[in-house]
Amino acid sequence: MQKLIKKSDIILIICLGLILVLFLLFRSYKSKTQKNELIAEISVKNQIVYTINLSQVEKPYIIQLDSNPTSIVEIEKGRIRYKSSNCPDKICVRTSWLNGNLQSAACLPAKSSIVIKTQEKDKDQADVITY
């Protein structure tokens, strides 16, 4: 009768498991050692009207942008989003929370945008993100 699992199969499974564990430990260590602060820049008509350090936000709050149509931005510790907008398509609201380097959202009818950057340039981060 033939065995279902051979000795070489067990060795292969153990090697793959070790590689997975090492990868997860590396990712965990890398995220703990990166202390970059997230900075959100809110622009209206190509003018930066707010610069917010998301890492230092203590209480959630909202900002009503002086734009036409009106947009409301919600800020919490480590993240930001368009909470509501009077624009017809509401793509900016459906973008949801932004919480990472180089993420952005824009409300074209209101001519407003939110861009998140880090204080220190990440050498391991991509220069461009495509969705």
Protein backbone atom coordinates (compact mmCIF):
# COMPACT_ATOMS: atom_id res chain seq x y z
CA MET A 1 0.00 0.00 0.00
CA GLN A 2 1.30 3.45 -0.95
CA LYS A 3 1.67 6.26 1.65
CA LEU A 4 -0.31 9.46 1.07
CA ILE A 5 2.38 11.73 2.51
CA LYS A 6 6.02 11.06 1.79
CA LYS A 7 9.04 12.27 3.71
CA SER A 8 9.87 14.79 0.95
CA ASP A 9 6.32 16.23 1.19
CA ILE A 10 6.75 16.87 4.92
CA ILE A 11 10.11 18.58 4.33
CA LEU A 12 8.54 20.76 1.62
CA ILE A 13 5.63 21.76 3.89
CA ILE A 14 8.02 22.64 6.74
CA CYS A 15 10.20 24.76 4.40
CA LEU A 16 7.18 26.64 3.04
CA GLY A 17 5.91 27.20 6.58
CA LEU A 18 9.27 28.64 7.66
CA ILE A 19 9.35 30.95 4.66
CA LEU A 20 5.85 32.18 5.49
CA VAL A 21 6.71 32.77 9.16
CA LEU A 22 9.89 34.68 8.22
CA PHE A 23 7.95 36.81 5.75
CA LEU A 24 5.31 37.69 8.35
CA LEU A 25 7.95 38.51 10.98
CA PHE A 26 9.77 40.77 8.51
CA ARG A 27 6.56 42.63 7.61
CA SER A 28 5.67 43.04 11.28
CA TYR A 29 9.14 44.35 12.15
CA LYS A 30 9.13 46.73 9.20
CA SER A 31 5.76 48.25 10.13
CA LYS A 32 6.82 48.73 13.77
CA THR A 33 10.08 50.45 12.87
CA GLN A 34 8.48 52.93 10.45
CA LYS A 35 7.53 55.95 12.51
CA ASN A 36 6.54 58.24 9.65
CA GLU A 37 3.82 60.71 10.50
CA LEU A 38 0.92 61.01 8.07
CA ILE A 39 0.25 64.54 6.86
CA ALA A 40 -3.03 65.32 5.08
CA GLU A 41 -3.16 68.30 2.74
CA ILE A 42 -6.63 69.60 1.89
CA SER A 43 -6.75 71.84 -1.17
CA VAL A 44 -9.52 73.97 -2.64
CA LYS A 45 -9.02 75.51 -6.09
CA ASN A 46 -5.34 74.42 -6.09
CA GLN A 47 -4.65 76.25 -2.81
CA ILE A 48 -3.71 74.24 0.29
CA VAL A 49 -6.20 75.39 2.93
CA TYR A 50 -5.45 72.83 5.67
CA THR A 51 -2.40 70.79 6.58
CA ILE A 52 -3.22 68.21 9.25
CA ASN A 53 -0.88 65.82 11.04
CA LEU A 54 -3.14 62.74 11.25
CA SER A 55 -0.81 61.05 13.72
CA GLN A 56 -1.45 63.78 16.30
CA VAL A 57 -5.25 64.01 16.05
CA GLU A 58 -6.74 63.28 19.46
CA LYS A 59 -10.49 63.74 18.91
CA PRO A 60 -12.46 63.20 15.70
CA TYR A 61 -13.69 66.42 14.08
CA ILE A 62 -15.14 67.69 10.82
CA ILE A 63 -14.27 70.57 8.51
CA GLN A 64 -16.71 72.20 6.11
CA LEU A 65 -14.81 73.27 3.01
CA ASP A 66 -15.50 76.67 1.50
CA SER A 67 -16.31 75.34 -1.95
CA ASN A 68 -19.25 75.13 -4.30
CA PRO A 69 -20.77 72.51 -3.97
CA THR A 70 -20.14 72.20 -0.25
CA SER A 71 -18.00 69.31 1.02
CA ILE A 72 -17.54 68.06 4.57
CA VAL A 73 -14.29 66.33 5.55
CA GLU A 74 -14.04 64.07 8.61
CA ILE A 75 -10.73 63.64 10.42
CA GLU A 76 -9.82 60.94 12.94
CA LYS A 77 -6.51 59.72 14.33
CA GLY A 78 -4.55 58.28 11.41
CA ARG A 79 -7.26 58.69 8.76
CA ILE A 80 -9.36 61.20 6.83
CA ARG A 81 -12.29 61.11 4.38
CA TYR A 82 -14.95 63.10 2.56
CA LYS A 83 -17.94 62.57 4.83
CA SER A 84 -20.48 64.22 2.55
CA SER A 85 -20.71 66.45 -0.47
CA ASN A 86 -23.44 68.18 -2.44
CA CYS A 87 -21.87 67.16 -5.75
CA PRO A 88 -23.99 65.04 -8.10
CA ASP A 89 -21.79 61.94 -8.47
CA LYS A 90 -20.41 61.60 -4.87
CA ILE A 91 -17.26 59.77 -6.02
CA CYS A 92 -15.31 61.61 -3.33
CA VAL A 93 -17.58 60.23 -0.59
CA ARG A 94 -17.40 56.68 -1.97
CA THR A 95 -13.59 56.82 -1.84
CA SER A 96 -13.95 56.23 1.92
CA TRP A 97 -11.13 56.51 4.46
CA LEU A 98 -7.62 57.49 3.43
CA ASN A 99 -4.96 56.22 5.84
CA GLY A 100 -1.73 55.58 3.94
CA ASN A 101 1.06 57.36 2.16
CA LEU A 102 0.21 58.68 -1.32
CA GLN A 103 -3.52 58.03 -1.00
CA SER A 104 -5.80 60.75 -2.31
CA ALA A 105 -9.41 61.68 -2.97
CA ALA A 106 -10.85 64.53 -4.99
CA CYS A 107 -14.19 66.21 -5.52
CA LEU A 108 -13.97 67.62 -9.03
CA PRO A 109 -17.18 69.69 -8.97
CA ALA A 110 -16.00 71.36 -5.73
CA LYS A 111 -12.42 71.64 -7.03
CA SER A 112 -11.14 70.17 -3.76
CA SER A 113 -8.75 67.34 -2.96
CA ILE A 114 -7.16 65.47 -0.06
CA VAL A 115 -3.65 64.05 -0.37
CA ILE A 116 -1.83 62.10 2.34
CA LYS A 117 1.94 62.28 2.52
CA THR A 118 4.54 61.25 5.07
CA GLN A 119 6.99 63.65 6.65
CA GLU A 120 9.91 61.47 5.67
CA LYS A 121 10.11 60.03 2.17
CA ASP A 122 9.63 56.27 2.23
CA LYS A 123 12.26 54.63 0.08
CA ASP A 124 10.31 51.36 0.08
CA GLN A 125 7.01 52.94 -1.00
CA ALA A 126 5.85 53.07 -4.59
CA ASP A 127 5.95 56.44 -6.32
CA VAL A 128 2.62 55.83 -8.03
CA ILE A 129 -0.48 53.89 -7.04
CA THR A 130 -2.96 52.75 -9.71
CA TYR A 131 -6.50 51.57 -9.05
